[in-house]
């Protein structure tokens, strides 16, 4: 029998530092809308957008609940009559507009995926956001083709880890450049993930390294999270007809004076920004289906791996957020509801 209330990891005063989290013991179980299922959450994944939302610095889409969290794994406890592909008791994981930091979440059935028995709750909860974002950036926006070269910034982040593996899985001979801030992260990207070259962007001009290693040609695809600090260098090391996908603005969104935009014209570059959470359900469902087609079987078989930095109890959400804030992670941070 379903209960009327649920526990959720809430934020005192709506926004604040990591210490503002508390377990709210008197929150109604969400009502289902047409096409939704109610999932009893077993685990949820944390993402950098959660930190920004907690601080009140993230443009939350209007359909999102106030509770944080966009990816989860759990067991379906209720379905609406329109749902035909799932039933009560199914073990699933999926992507939501928000609400995963809670015992129960209401989510569109079309954004759920049956959890393979080989995957733990923690692994499943770490898949949706980063793997769908990587697939979106590489195959929908950049239109990656076998044999193309790529430069992946923030390569030891969740999206970077997924992107490198996807390229190597689909195109074994592609040249992949990975940038990160430490030698340990770069070694992980090369030795474990399969990147061809690693560049410490804090110590080296990555654009010069890319041009040197490609005999001046540059790379076909660039996936960037930094923004202004990398903008000129991205233009410099992009190959003719390259595509640059901007997924975040971690260094800021205003480029400094003196930026040379001539390469955009003369190399026929395409620069495109992309977000995921603000997209409509139909678009997200297309990406969900691509995840199933391109990656799920590989993940199930262990050919593609979901790397987890650390698993916390959801009662320790504060510590989980602090770990992400430290920038000392190589993979996902997950919370288990216990």
Protein backbone atom coordinates (compact mmCIF):
# COMPACT_ATOMS: atom_id res chain seq x y z
CA UNK A 1 0.00 0.00 0.00
CA UNK A 2 1.31 3.44 -0.92
CA UNK A 3 1.94 5.90 1.86
CA UNK A 4 0.74 9.51 1.68
CA UNK A 5 4.00 11.18 2.57
CA UNK A 6 7.65 10.69 1.66
CA UNK A 7 11.05 11.75 2.89
CA UNK A 8 13.04 14.11 0.70
CA UNK A 9 16.41 15.83 0.86
CA UNK A 10 15.34 19.46 1.06
CA UNK A 11 17.18 22.79 1.37
CA UNK A 12 16.54 25.19 4.22
CA UNK A 13 15.13 28.48 2.88
CA UNK A 14 15.11 27.06 -0.66
CA UNK A 15 18.72 27.87 -1.53
CA UNK A 16 22.01 27.84 0.32
CA UNK A 17 25.33 26.09 0.94
CA UNK A 18 25.75 22.33 1.12
CA UNK A 19 25.12 22.48 4.86
CA UNK A 20 21.55 23.65 4.17
CA UNK A 21 20.35 20.13 3.29
CA UNK A 22 17.97 18.42 5.68
CA UNK A 23 15.64 15.42 5.50
CA UNK A 24 12.09 16.70 5.19
CA UNK A 25 9.87 14.09 6.80
CA UNK A 26 6.47 15.43 5.80
CA UNK A 27 6.31 15.80 2.02
CA UNK A 28 3.34 14.48 0.02
CA UNK A 29 3.97 11.66 -2.40
CA UNK A 30 3.69 13.27 -5.85
CA UNK A 31 0.44 12.91 -7.78
CA UNK A 32 0.80 11.25 -11.17
CA UNK A 33 -0.05 12.97 -14.43
CA UNK A 34 -1.03 11.18 -17.62
CA UNK A 35 1.78 8.95 -18.91
CA UNK A 36 3.74 8.97 -15.67
CA UNK A 37 4.87 6.28 -13.26
CA UNK A 38 5.61 6.50 -9.55
CA UNK A 39 9.04 5.12 -8.68
CA UNK A 40 10.29 4.24 -5.21
CA UNK A 41 13.83 5.54 -5.50
CA UNK A 42 16.74 3.28 -4.58
CA UNK A 43 19.58 5.58 -5.65
CA UNK A 44 20.11 8.93 -7.34
CA UNK A 45 23.01 10.52 -9.16
CA UNK A 46 24.46 13.93 -8.40
CA UNK A 47 25.42 16.44 -11.06
CA UNK A 48 27.10 19.84 -11.08
CA UNK A 49 23.80 21.46 -12.03
CA UNK A 50 22.49 20.31 -8.63
CA UNK A 51 25.10 22.49 -6.93
CA UNK A 52 24.12 25.49 -9.04
CA UNK A 53 20.42 24.91 -8.39
CA UNK A 54 21.07 24.58 -4.66
CA UNK A 55 22.76 27.98 -4.77
CA UNK A 56 19.93 29.54 -6.79
CA UNK A 57 22.13 29.98 -9.86
CA UNK A 58 20.51 27.51 -12.25
CA UNK A 59 17.62 28.26 -14.64
CA UNK A 60 15.23 25.52 -13.51
CA UNK A 61 12.66 24.59 -16.19
CA UNK A 62 9.05 25.37 -15.27
CA UNK A 63 7.99 21.73 -15.21
CA UNK A 64 10.65 20.79 -12.63
CA UNK A 65 9.70 20.26 -8.96
CA UNK A 66 11.64 22.16 -6.32
CA UNK A 67 13.45 19.02 -5.17
CA UNK A 68 16.85 18.47 -6.78
CA UNK A 69 17.97 15.47 -8.80
CA UNK A 70 17.42 14.43 -12.41
CA UNK A 71 18.61 10.80 -12.49
CA UNK A 72 17.55 7.84 -10.43
CA UNK A 73 17.06 4.10 -10.19
CA UNK A 74 14.25 2.34 -8.38
CA UNK A 75 11.11 0.19 -8.46
CA UNK A 76 7.83 1.20 -10.06
CA UNK A 77 5.00 1.31 -7.51
CA UNK A 78 2.23 2.84 -9.59
CA UNK A 79 1.43 3.46 -13.26
CA UNK A 80 -1.21 5.55 -14.98
CA UNK A 81 -3.61 3.80 -17.39
CA UNK A 82 -1.83 5.22 -20.46
CA UNK A 83 1.42 3.45 -19.61
CA UNK A 84 1.73 0.15 -21.48
CA UNK A 85 5.48 -0.56 -21.45
CA UNK A 86 5.93 -0.81 -17.67
CA UNK A 87 4.15 -2.42 -14.75
CA UNK A 88 4.24 -2.28 -10.98
CA UNK A 89 7.36 -4.01 -9.68
CA UNK A 90 9.58 -3.24 -12.67
CA UNK A 91 13.11 -2.20 -11.80
CA UNK A 92 14.00 0.89 -13.81
CA UNK A 93 16.34 3.83 -14.11
CA UNK A 94 15.71 7.09 -15.85
CA UNK A 95 15.90 10.82 -16.36
CA UNK A 96 13.54 13.39 -14.83
CA UNK A 97 13.19 17.16 -14.79
CA UNK A 98 13.83 17.02 -11.03
CA UNK A 99 12.70 15.40 -7.82
CA UNK A 100 15.15 12.47 -7.52
CA UNK A 101 16.46 13.45 -4.05
CA UNK A 102 13.45 11.75 -2.49
CA UNK A 103 11.91 8.41 -1.58
CA UNK A 104 9.39 8.65 -4.43
CA UNK A 105 9.51 10.36 -7.80
CA UNK A 106 6.84 10.90 -10.45
CA UNK A 107 8.39 10.67 -13.91
CA UNK A 108 7.32 10.26 -17.52
CA UNK A 109 7.29 6.57 -18.39
CA UNK A 110 8.97 7.29 -21.73
CA UNK A 111 12.07 8.46 -19.84
CA UNK A 112 12.42 5.20 -17.92
CA UNK A 113 14.52 2.21 -18.96
CA UNK A 114 14.28 -1.33 -17.61
CA UNK A 115 17.32 -1.99 -15.43
CA UNK A 116 19.37 -4.96 -16.57
CA UNK A 117 19.88 -7.44 -13.75
CA UNK A 118 23.65 -7.11 -14.20
CA UNK A 119 23.56 -3.48 -13.03
CA UNK A 120 23.42 -2.38 -9.41
CA UNK A 121 21.15 0.42 -8.26
CA UNK A 122 24.18 2.68 -7.93
CA UNK A 123 25.46 2.00 -11.44
CA UNK A 124 22.02 2.44 -12.99
CA UNK A 125 21.48 5.76 -11.23
CA UNK A 126 24.76 7.02 -12.65
CA UNK A 127 23.84 6.45 -16.29
CA UNK A 128 21.03 8.75 -17.49
CA UNK A 129 22.27 12.34 -17.28
CA UNK A 130 25.88 11.95 -18.33
CA UNK A 131 25.44 9.25 -20.97
CA UNK A 132 22.45 10.96 -22.57
CA UNK A 133 24.34 14.28 -22.56
CA UNK A 134 27.39 12.66 -24.16
CA UNK A 135 25.24 10.99 -26.82
CA UNK A 136 23.42 14.26 -27.48
CA UNK A 137 26.67 16.22 -27.86
CA UNK A 138 28.50 13.66 -30.00
CA UNK A 139 25.84 12.14 -32.22
CA UNK A 140 22.97 14.63 -32.37
CA UNK A 141 24.71 18.01 -32.25
CA UNK A 142 28.22 17.25 -33.55
CA UNK A 143 27.06 14.39 -35.82
CA UNK A 144 30.20 12.37 -35.06
CA UNK A 145 31.26 9.95 -37.78
CA UNK A 146 33.57 6.96 -37.60
CA UNK A 147 37.20 7.98 -38.03
CA UNK A 148 36.80 11.58 -36.91
CA UNK A 149 39.09 13.02 -34.26
CA UNK A 150 37.86 14.65 -31.07
CA UNK A 151 38.98 16.92 -28.24
CA UNK A 152 37.13 16.25 -24.99
CA UNK A 153 37.49 18.87 -22.28
CA UNK A 154 36.80 18.02 -18.63
CA UNK A 155 37.62 14.50 -19.73
CA UNK A 156 37.49 12.98 -16.24
CA UNK A 157 34.00 14.32 -15.60
CA UNK A 158 30.98 12.07 -15.96
CA UNK A 159 30.15 13.32 -19.46
CA UNK A 160 33.81 13.27 -20.51
CA UNK A 161 34.22 9.67 -19.33
CA UNK A 162 31.13 8.62 -21.28
CA UNK A 163 32.16 10.55 -24.40
CA UNK A 164 35.64 9.04 -24.61
CA UNK A 165 34.27 5.52 -24.21
CA UNK A 166 31.52 6.05 -26.79
CA UNK A 167 33.99 7.30 -29.38
CA UNK A 168 36.42 4.47 -28.73
CA UNK A 169 33.58 1.90 -28.76
CA UNK A 170 32.16 3.07 -32.07
CA UNK A 171 35.35 4.27 -33.77
CA UNK A 172 38.39 2.32 -32.49
CA UNK A 173 40.88 4.22 -34.63
CA UNK A 174 39.81 7.76 -33.82
CA UNK A 175 42.35 10.12 -32.28
CA UNK A 176 41.00 11.41 -28.96
CA UNK A 177 42.54 14.27 -27.03
CA UNK A 178 41.56 14.58 -23.36
CA UNK A 179 42.13 17.64 -21.18
CA UNK A 180 42.09 17.62 -17.39
CA UNK A 181 43.72 19.42 -14.47
CA UNK A 182 45.89 16.67 -12.93
CA UNK A 183 48.29 13.96 -14.02
CA UNK A 184 46.17 11.33 -12.27
CA UNK A 185 43.09 12.31 -14.24
CA UNK A 186 45.00 12.28 -17.51
CA UNK A 187 46.47 8.86 -16.77
CA UNK A 188 42.96 7.59 -16.07
CA UNK A 189 41.70 9.01 -19.38
CA UNK A 190 44.51 7.40 -21.37
CA UNK A 191 45.18 4.12 -19.56
CA UNK A 192 41.63 3.28 -18.54
CA UNK A 193 39.29 5.05 -20.95
CA UNK A 194 41.35 4.87 -24.12
CA UNK A 195 42.12 8.50 -24.95
CA UNK A 196 45.04 8.85 -27.35
CA UNK A 197 46.63 11.93 -25.74
CA UNK A 198 46.19 13.73 -22.44
CA UNK A 199 46.85 17.45 -21.90
CA UNK A 200 46.98 19.34 -18.61
CA UNK A 201 45.23 22.55 -19.62
CA UNK A 202 46.59 24.38 -16.57
CA UNK A 203 50.19 23.77 -17.61
CA UNK A 204 50.05 23.58 -21.40
CA UNK A 205 48.37 25.39 -24.27
CA UNK A 206 46.17 22.54 -25.41
CA UNK A 207 45.62 24.07 -28.84
CA UNK A 208 49.34 23.94 -29.63
CA UNK A 209 49.54 20.33 -28.47
CA UNK A 210 46.59 19.35 -30.65
CA UNK A 211 48.02 21.08 -33.70
CA UNK A 212 51.44 19.52 -33.08
CA UNK A 213 50.04 16.00 -32.78
CA UNK A 214 47.82 16.40 -35.87
CA UNK A 215 50.47 18.01 -38.11
CA UNK A 216 48.57 21.28 -38.07
CA UNK A 217 45.22 19.81 -39.14
CA UNK A 218 43.37 20.13 -35.81
CA UNK A 219 40.42 18.08 -34.58
CA UNK A 220 37.00 17.46 -36.09
CA UNK A 221 34.91 17.57 -32.89
CA UNK A 222 35.39 19.60 -29.70
CA UNK A 223 33.24 19.09 -26.61
CA UNK A 224 33.68 22.01 -24.21
CA UNK A 225 32.40 22.83 -20.74
CA UNK A 226 34.72 25.74 -19.92
CA UNK A 227 33.49 28.61 -22.08
CA UNK A 228 35.52 31.80 -22.31
CA UNK A 229 38.87 30.45 -21.11
CA UNK A 230 38.95 27.84 -23.88
CA UNK A 231 37.16 29.74 -26.64
CA UNK A 232 40.13 31.13 -28.60
CA UNK A 233 42.17 27.96 -28.21
CA UNK A 234 39.22 25.88 -29.43
CA UNK A 235 39.04 28.03 -32.56
CA UNK A 236 42.76 27.70 -33.07
CA UNK A 237 42.89 23.90 -32.95
CA UNK A 238 39.62 23.11 -34.71
CA UNK A 239 40.03 21.48 -38.11
CA UNK A 240 38.33 22.75 -41.25
CA UNK A 241 34.57 22.14 -41.01
CA UNK A 242 34.92 21.19 -37.33
CA UNK A 243 32.06 21.32 -34.88
CA UNK A 244 32.43 22.81 -31.41
CA UNK A 245 29.75 21.86 -28.88
CA UNK A 246 29.42 24.09 -25.82
CA UNK A 247 27.79 22.29 -22.87
CA UNK A 248 28.61 24.64 -19.99
CA UNK A 249 30.27 27.93 -19.06
CA UNK A 250 32.37 26.93 -16.07
CA UNK A 251 34.95 29.68 -16.69
CA UNK A 252 32.36 32.30 -17.65
CA UNK A 253 30.30 33.30 -20.64
CA UNK A 254 31.98 36.57 -21.67
CA UNK A 255 35.09 36.24 -23.82
CA UNK A 256 37.92 38.71 -23.39
CA UNK A 257 38.69 41.46 -25.88
CA UNK A 258 41.03 40.56 -28.69
CA UNK A 259 39.53 37.20 -29.56
CA UNK A 260 40.27 36.34 -33.17
CA UNK A 261 37.09 35.00 -34.73
CA UNK A 262 38.56 34.69 -38.22
CA UNK A 263 38.94 30.89 -37.89
CA UNK A 264 35.16 30.60 -37.66
CA UNK A 265 34.88 31.99 -41.17
CA UNK A 266 37.95 30.64 -42.88
CA UNK A 267 37.72 27.13 -41.40
CA UNK A 268 33.91 27.06 -41.78
CA UNK A 269 33.46 26.18 -38.11
CA UNK A 270 30.12 25.42 -36.52
CA UNK A 271 29.73 26.36 -32.87
CA UNK A 272 26.58 25.21 -31.12
CA UNK A 273 25.46 25.37 -27.53
CA UNK A 274 23.31 22.59 -26.16
CA UNK A 275 21.37 21.89 -22.98
CA UNK A 276 19.37 18.85 -21.94
CA UNK A 277 17.15 19.61 -18.97
CA UNK A 278 15.34 22.49 -20.69
CA UNK A 279 14.39 20.36 -23.71
CA UNK A 280 10.85 19.13 -24.18
CA UNK A 281 9.85 15.57 -23.41
CA UNK A 282 9.69 14.52 -27.05
CA UNK A 283 13.31 15.55 -27.64
CA UNK A 284 14.49 13.87 -24.46
CA UNK A 285 12.70 10.67 -25.42
CA UNK A 286 14.66 10.57 -28.69
CA UNK A 287 17.87 10.79 -26.68
CA UNK A 288 16.65 8.14 -24.25
CA UNK A 289 16.09 5.81 -27.20
CA UNK A 290 19.57 6.56 -28.54
CA UNK A 291 21.03 5.65 -25.16
CA UNK A 292 19.31 2.26 -25.38
CA UNK A 293 20.46 1.73 -28.97
CA UNK A 294 24.05 2.96 -28.67
CA UNK A 295 25.17 2.21 -25.14
CA UNK A 296 22.92 0.08 -22.95
CA UNK A 297 24.05 -3.31 -24.26
CA UNK A 298 27.68 -2.25 -24.00
CA UNK A 299 27.14 -1.12 -20.42
CA UNK A 300 25.32 -4.37 -19.59
CA UNK A 301 28.19 -6.44 -20.97
CA UNK A 302 30.84 -4.33 -19.29
CA UNK A 303 32.28 -3.06 -22.57
CA UNK A 304 31.28 0.45 -21.51
CA UNK A 305 31.72 1.30 -17.85
CA UNK A 306 30.01 3.64 -15.44
CA UNK A 307 32.75 4.86 -13.13
CA UNK A 308 31.67 5.82 -9.63
CA UNK A 309 33.86 8.02 -7.47
CA UNK A 310 31.94 7.43 -4.25
CA UNK A 311 28.58 6.26 -2.92
CA UNK A 312 26.99 8.11 0.00
CA UNK A 313 23.92 7.55 2.10
CA UNK A 314 21.38 10.16 1.08
CA UNK A 315 21.50 11.31 4.69
CA UNK A 316 24.99 12.56 3.79
CA UNK A 317 23.97 14.64 0.78
CA UNK A 318 25.88 17.58 2.24
CA UNK A 319 29.14 15.63 2.09
CA UNK A 320 28.34 14.38 -1.41
CA UNK A 321 27.89 17.96 -2.64
CA UNK A 322 31.13 19.01 -0.97
CA UNK A 323 32.99 16.24 -2.76
CA UNK A 324 31.77 17.51 -6.14
CA UNK A 325 32.69 21.06 -5.12
CA UNK A 326 36.26 19.88 -4.44
CA UNK A 327 36.74 18.99 -8.14
CA UNK A 328 38.58 15.86 -7.01
CA UNK A 329 36.35 13.30 -8.68
CA UNK A 330 36.82 10.85 -11.52
CA UNK A 331 33.32 9.60 -12.17
CA UNK A 332 29.90 9.79 -10.64
CA UNK A 333 28.87 10.61 -7.10
CA UNK A 334 25.82 8.57 -6.05
CA UNK A 335 23.48 8.63 -3.07
CA UNK A 336 21.67 5.51 -1.85
CA UNK A 337 18.33 5.87 -0.13
CA UNK A 338 18.69 3.75 2.99
